[in-house]
Amino acid sequence: MKKLIFTAVLFVNISIGAAGQELDQYQYVRVPEKFDFLNEDNQYQLNALTAFLFEKFGFTALYEEPTPEGVQPCEILDANVHDESSIFSSKVYVTLRDCKKEVVFTSRTGTSREKDYKDSYHEALRDAFKSIEELQHSFTGEVVIDPVISVEEKEAYEEASEVDSLPAEIIVDPVVTSEEREELKKPAKTRNRKTVAGTYMNGAVSYELKKTAVGFDLFKKGETEVFAKLINSGSGENYLYSSASGNGNAYFDAQGNLVAEYFDANSGQVITVTYRKDQ
């Protein structure tokens, strides 16, 4: 019996290692703005959380972002979250597909019995991502070359990506200023974001805010380890905020200061921290 258990564990470890080596060819994962089982974009902030978790575990997530210049379609994996929930629990799992639409990775099924839908889906998704954490993903820098994909498939994929990334047509109105016209050209979900990368202060401590594919990373000045992550929530003004102190929401006020609000488990209170923009 012990030998059987050991063999099973060894097989799982080998499978995870093999999958990890294959996925190390990829740097980018595209996260859609809406999963099929949801009724609206980023419902329960599940899409933004998915992008955040991929970033956390070594990938570069493309969420509400166009394909970076020079990156080919076959260098990107498409992520999806699948729902198998019952009346008593939330159950989700994550898949990754390559440019040939073949599934190259399927996570464990994450579960949660939380009563609140948002909390339950978040807990189940984090549970599913334990499979991705175990991969210990590290991009090798090798270019993904797939001679099997046809020229027609590649062109169709690129054409679809270009259409998705193009802004809506703007009707030029002589009353509209050039600045307003440029603002209108931006995707609707990124308009009017008061998000300026740069230096921020909290008391005497200085921080650097740097742009990422899914939002921003906050660093203590002079340090390379991320202090906090800000992930686009899809609402246009708010962000998911995650740090060692806690998880919550963040936004930029009228003066451009970064305001973070999170629940502190030790005190049982909601903490508000303001990082003031260094003028």
Protein backbone atom coordinates (compact mmCIF):
# COMPACT_ATOMS: atom_id res chain seq x y z
CA MET A 1 0.00 0.00 0.00
CA LYS A 2 2.80 2.43 0.94
CA LYS A 3 4.58 1.56 -2.30
CA LEU A 4 1.41 2.32 -4.26
CA ILE A 5 1.00 5.71 -2.56
CA PHE A 6 4.66 6.56 -3.15
CA THR A 7 4.34 5.64 -6.84
CA ALA A 8 1.26 7.82 -7.23
CA VAL A 9 2.96 10.81 -5.57
CA LEU A 10 6.05 10.30 -7.72
CA PHE A 11 3.91 10.20 -10.88
CA VAL A 12 2.15 13.46 -9.91
CA ASN A 13 5.49 15.18 -9.23
CA ILE A 14 6.89 14.02 -12.58
CA SER A 15 3.73 15.25 -14.36
CA ILE A 16 3.98 18.68 -12.69
CA GLY A 17 7.66 18.90 -13.58
CA ALA A 18 7.01 18.02 -17.23
CA ALA A 19 4.18 20.54 -17.50
CA GLY A 20 6.33 23.19 -15.86
CA GLN A 21 9.16 22.67 -18.34
CA GLU A 22 6.76 22.98 -21.27
CA LEU A 23 5.16 26.16 -19.90
CA ASP A 24 8.57 27.71 -19.21
CA GLN A 25 8.70 28.44 -22.96
CA TYR A 26 5.93 30.98 -22.45
CA GLN A 27 6.12 34.40 -20.85
CA TYR A 28 2.66 35.74 -21.71
CA VAL A 29 -0.81 34.59 -20.67
CA ARG A 30 -3.88 36.34 -22.02
CA VAL A 31 -6.77 36.67 -19.56
CA PRO A 32 -10.18 37.52 -21.08
CA GLU A 33 -12.33 40.32 -19.68
CA LYS A 34 -15.21 37.86 -19.15
CA PHE A 35 -15.37 34.13 -18.49
CA ASP A 36 -18.18 32.14 -20.13
CA PHE A 37 -19.97 31.30 -16.88
CA LEU A 38 -20.16 34.94 -15.76
CA ASN A 39 -22.87 37.41 -16.73
CA GLU A 40 -20.67 40.48 -17.12
CA ASP A 41 -17.07 41.59 -17.57
CA ASN A 42 -14.88 40.90 -14.54
CA GLN A 43 -17.85 39.84 -12.42
CA TYR A 44 -16.80 39.29 -8.79
CA GLN A 45 -13.43 40.75 -9.93
CA LEU A 46 -12.59 37.20 -10.96
CA ASN A 47 -10.82 38.09 -14.21
CA ALA A 48 -8.63 40.70 -12.51
CA LEU A 49 -7.78 38.22 -9.75
CA THR A 50 -6.84 35.61 -12.36
CA ALA A 51 -4.46 38.08 -14.00
CA PHE A 52 -2.99 38.96 -10.61
CA LEU A 53 -2.37 35.32 -9.71
CA PHE A 54 -0.63 34.61 -13.02
CA GLU A 55 1.63 37.62 -12.37
CA LYS A 56 2.25 36.39 -8.83
CA PHE A 57 3.40 33.00 -10.07
CA GLY A 58 5.83 34.15 -12.74
CA PHE A 59 3.87 34.91 -15.91
CA THR A 60 3.21 38.24 -17.62
CA ALA A 61 -0.56 38.58 -17.78
CA LEU A 62 -2.25 40.42 -20.64
CA TYR A 63 -5.55 41.69 -19.26
CA GLU A 64 -7.24 44.66 -20.92
CA GLU A 65 -3.94 45.08 -22.75
CA PRO A 66 -3.09 44.76 -26.48
CA THR A 67 -0.48 42.28 -27.61
CA PRO A 68 2.99 43.77 -26.93
CA GLU A 69 4.87 44.85 -30.03
CA GLY A 70 6.99 42.08 -31.48
CA VAL A 71 5.20 39.27 -29.60
CA GLN A 72 3.84 36.59 -31.92
CA PRO A 73 0.48 34.80 -31.37
CA CYS A 74 2.14 31.47 -30.62
CA GLU A 75 4.13 33.06 -27.81
CA ILE A 76 0.92 33.66 -25.83
CA LEU A 77 -1.18 31.17 -23.89
CA ASP A 78 -4.92 31.78 -23.54
CA ALA A 79 -6.24 31.35 -20.00
CA ASN A 80 -9.74 30.29 -19.08
CA VAL A 81 -11.54 29.56 -15.82
CA HIS A 82 -14.22 26.84 -15.81
CA ASP A 83 -17.08 26.58 -13.33
CA GLU A 84 -18.24 23.27 -11.84
CA SER A 85 -20.02 24.74 -8.83
CA SER A 86 -22.90 23.07 -7.05
CA ILE A 87 -25.56 24.50 -4.80
CA PHE A 88 -23.35 23.90 -1.76
CA SER A 89 -19.90 24.93 -2.98
CA SER A 90 -17.93 26.82 -5.60
CA LYS A 91 -15.65 24.72 -7.80
CA VAL A 92 -13.42 26.13 -10.52
CA TYR A 93 -10.38 25.04 -12.48
CA VAL A 94 -7.98 26.83 -14.85
CA THR A 95 -6.85 25.83 -18.33
CA LEU A 96 -4.19 27.18 -20.66
CA ARG A 97 -4.43 26.78 -24.44
CA ASP A 98 -1.76 27.35 -27.07
CA CYS A 99 -2.22 29.04 -30.45
CA LYS A 100 -3.51 25.78 -31.94
CA LYS A 101 -6.35 25.86 -29.38
CA GLU A 102 -4.94 22.77 -27.67
CA VAL A 103 -5.08 22.61 -23.87
CA VAL A 104 -1.51 22.40 -22.58
CA PHE A 105 -2.30 22.68 -18.88
CA THR A 106 -5.26 21.99 -16.58
CA SER A 107 -5.13 22.93 -12.92
CA ARG A 108 -6.58 21.12 -9.96
CA THR A 109 -10.22 21.92 -9.13
CA GLY A 110 -10.32 24.57 -6.44
CA THR A 111 -13.20 24.49 -4.00
CA SER A 112 -14.82 26.76 -1.43
CA ARG A 113 -17.89 26.60 0.80
CA GLU A 114 -18.06 30.33 1.53
CA LYS A 115 -21.63 31.64 1.30
CA ASP A 116 -20.78 34.96 -0.34
CA TYR A 117 -20.37 34.45 -4.11
CA LYS A 118 -17.37 36.74 -4.49
CA ASP A 119 -15.51 35.34 -1.47
CA SER A 120 -16.33 31.80 -2.53
CA TYR A 121 -15.11 32.21 -6.11
CA HIS A 122 -11.96 33.98 -4.92
CA GLU A 123 -11.12 31.21 -2.45
CA ALA A 124 -11.81 28.49 -5.03
CA LEU A 125 -9.68 30.23 -7.66
CA ARG A 126 -6.75 30.67 -5.26
CA ASP A 127 -7.06 26.97 -4.41
CA ALA A 128 -6.96 26.06 -8.11
CA PHE A 129 -3.86 28.22 -8.62
CA LYS A 130 -1.91 26.07 -6.16
CA SER A 131 -1.28 23.82 -9.17
CA ILE A 132 0.27 26.75 -11.03
CA GLU A 133 2.29 27.79 -7.99
CA GLU A 134 3.75 24.27 -7.85
CA LEU A 135 5.04 24.66 -11.41
CA GLN A 136 7.55 27.26 -10.16
CA HIS A 137 7.28 28.90 -13.56
CA SER A 138 10.40 30.59 -14.90
CA PHE A 139 10.46 31.91 -18.47
CA THR A 140 13.44 30.41 -20.31
CA GLY A 141 13.64 33.14 -22.93
CA GLU A 142 13.35 30.59 -25.73
CA VAL A 143 11.13 31.53 -28.68
CA VAL A 144 8.14 29.25 -29.11
CA ILE A 145 8.37 27.80 -32.62
CA ASP A 146 5.50 25.65 -33.81
CA PRO A 147 5.84 24.46 -37.42
CA VAL A 148 2.55 22.54 -37.20
CA ILE A 149 0.33 25.63 -37.23
CA SER A 150 -0.69 26.57 -40.75
CA VAL A 151 -0.16 29.97 -42.36
CA GLU A 152 -3.94 30.41 -42.59
CA GLU A 153 -4.39 29.73 -38.85
CA LYS A 154 -1.62 32.16 -37.94
CA GLU A 155 -3.04 34.95 -40.14
CA ALA A 156 -6.56 34.42 -38.77
CA TYR A 157 -5.28 34.57 -35.19
CA GLU A 158 -3.29 37.75 -35.84
CA GLU A 159 -6.24 39.38 -37.62
CA ALA A 160 -8.54 38.64 -34.66
CA SER A 161 -5.98 40.04 -32.20
CA GLU A 162 -5.62 43.24 -34.22
CA VAL A 163 -9.38 43.79 -34.36
CA ASP A 164 -9.70 43.30 -30.61
CA SER A 165 -6.99 45.86 -29.90
CA LEU A 166 -8.19 48.61 -32.26
CA PRO A 167 -10.03 51.54 -30.66
CA ALA A 168 -13.57 52.35 -31.68
CA GLU A 169 -13.94 54.80 -34.55
CA ILE A 170 -13.93 58.42 -33.36
CA ILE A 171 -16.23 60.95 -35.03
CA VAL A 172 -14.27 64.20 -35.25
CA ASP A 173 -16.27 67.09 -33.80
CA PRO A 174 -14.72 70.58 -34.22
CA VAL A 175 -15.88 71.44 -30.67
CA VAL A 176 -13.81 68.63 -29.17
CA THR A 177 -10.26 69.62 -28.23
CA SER A 178 -7.27 67.59 -29.39
CA GLU A 179 -6.65 66.45 -25.80
CA GLU A 180 -10.24 65.22 -25.46
CA ARG A 181 -10.00 63.47 -28.82
CA GLU A 182 -6.87 61.62 -27.71
CA GLU A 183 -8.65 60.61 -24.50
CA LEU A 184 -11.57 59.22 -26.52
CA LYS A 185 -9.22 57.05 -28.54
CA LYS A 186 -8.30 55.12 -25.42
CA PRO A 187 -10.28 51.99 -24.49
CA ALA A 188 -13.28 52.99 -22.38
CA LYS A 189 -12.05 51.10 -19.35
CA THR A 190 -8.78 53.05 -19.19
CA ARG A 191 -10.15 56.56 -19.65
CA ASN A 192 -9.65 59.09 -16.88
CA ARG A 193 -7.52 56.80 -14.73
CA LYS A 194 -5.54 59.01 -12.37
CA THR A 195 -2.62 56.61 -12.50
CA VAL A 196 0.79 58.17 -12.85
CA ALA A 197 3.86 56.05 -12.21
CA GLY A 198 6.44 57.81 -10.08
CA THR A 199 7.42 58.55 -6.50
CA TYR A 200 4.99 58.45 -3.58
CA MET A 201 5.47 59.12 0.14
CA ASN A 202 3.94 57.52 3.23
CA GLY A 203 5.32 59.46 6.17
CA ALA A 204 9.09 59.53 5.76
CA VAL A 205 9.17 56.40 3.58
CA SER A 206 9.51 56.83 -0.17
CA TYR A 207 7.92 54.45 -2.69
CA GLU A 208 8.18 53.92 -6.45
CA LEU A 209 5.06 53.05 -8.48
CA LYS A 210 5.83 51.20 -11.72
CA LYS A 211 3.49 50.22 -14.56
CA THR A 212 2.88 46.53 -15.28
CA ALA A 213 0.80 44.68 -17.87
CA VAL A 214 -2.12 44.40 -15.43
CA GLY A 215 -1.77 47.52 -13.30
CA PHE A 216 1.08 48.72 -11.11
CA ASP A 217 3.74 47.44 -8.71
CA LEU A 218 4.66 49.48 -5.62
CA PHE A 219 8.25 49.28 -4.33
CA LYS A 220 9.95 50.77 -1.31
CA LYS A 221 12.58 53.02 -2.82
CA GLY A 222 15.87 51.21 -3.24
CA GLU A 223 14.32 47.73 -2.89
CA THR A 224 13.71 45.21 -5.68
CA GLU A 225 11.02 43.15 -3.94
CA VAL A 226 7.45 44.23 -4.67
CA PHE A 227 5.81 45.85 -1.64
CA ALA A 228 2.27 45.83 -3.05
CA LYS A 229 0.49 45.03 -6.31
CA LEU A 230 -2.33 47.02 -7.91
CA ILE A 231 -4.42 45.08 -10.43
CA ASN A 232 -6.94 46.68 -12.80
CA SER A 233 -10.41 45.80 -11.51
CA GLY A 234 -12.19 46.68 -14.74
CA SER A 235 -14.28 49.44 -13.13
CA GLY A 236 -11.98 52.14 -14.54
CA GLU A 237 -11.09 53.81 -11.24
CA ASN A 238 -10.46 51.07 -8.68
CA TYR A 239 -7.73 48.44 -8.28
CA LEU A 240 -7.28 45.22 -6.38
CA TYR A 241 -4.62 45.92 -3.75
CA SER A 242 -2.44 43.12 -2.38
CA SER A 243 0.43 43.43 0.08
CA ALA A 244 1.93 41.53 3.00
CA SER A 245 -0.30 43.61 5.32
CA GLY A 246 -3.54 42.56 3.65
CA ASN A 247 -5.72 42.51 0.55
CA GLY A 248 -8.26 45.15 -0.39
CA ASN A 249 -8.94 47.94 -2.86
CA ALA A 250 -7.02 51.01 -4.00
CA TYR A 251 -7.74 54.16 -6.00
CA PHE A 252 -6.21 57.50 -6.93
CA ASP A 253 -7.85 60.58 -5.38
CA ALA A 254 -8.38 63.96 -7.06
CA GLN A 255 -4.87 65.07 -6.09
CA GLY A 256 -3.28 61.97 -7.61
CA ASN A 257 -2.50 60.36 -4.24
CA LEU A 258 -2.76 56.58 -3.97
CA VAL A 259 -5.27 55.48 -1.32
CA ALA A 260 -5.31 51.82 -0.24
CA GLU A 261 -7.96 50.23 1.98
CA TYR A 262 -7.61 46.71 3.35
CA PHE A 263 -8.81 44.55 6.22
CA ASP A 264 -6.24 43.96 8.96
CA ALA A 265 -6.83 40.53 10.50
CA ASN A 266 -4.79 41.33 13.62
CA SER A 267 -6.80 44.40 14.64
CA GLY A 268 -10.07 43.36 13.00
CA GLN A 269 -10.35 46.79 11.40
CA VAL A 270 -10.29 48.29 7.93
CA ILE A 271 -7.02 50.19 7.47
CA THR A 272 -6.69 53.16 5.12
CA VAL A 273 -3.20 54.11 3.92
CA THR A 274 -2.46 57.16 1.77
CA TYR A 275 0.66 57.27 -0.41
CA ARG A 276 1.04 60.94 -1.29
CA LYS A 277 2.26 61.82 -4.77
CA ASP A 278 5.71 63.38 -4.60
CA GLN A 279 5.43 66.56 -6.62
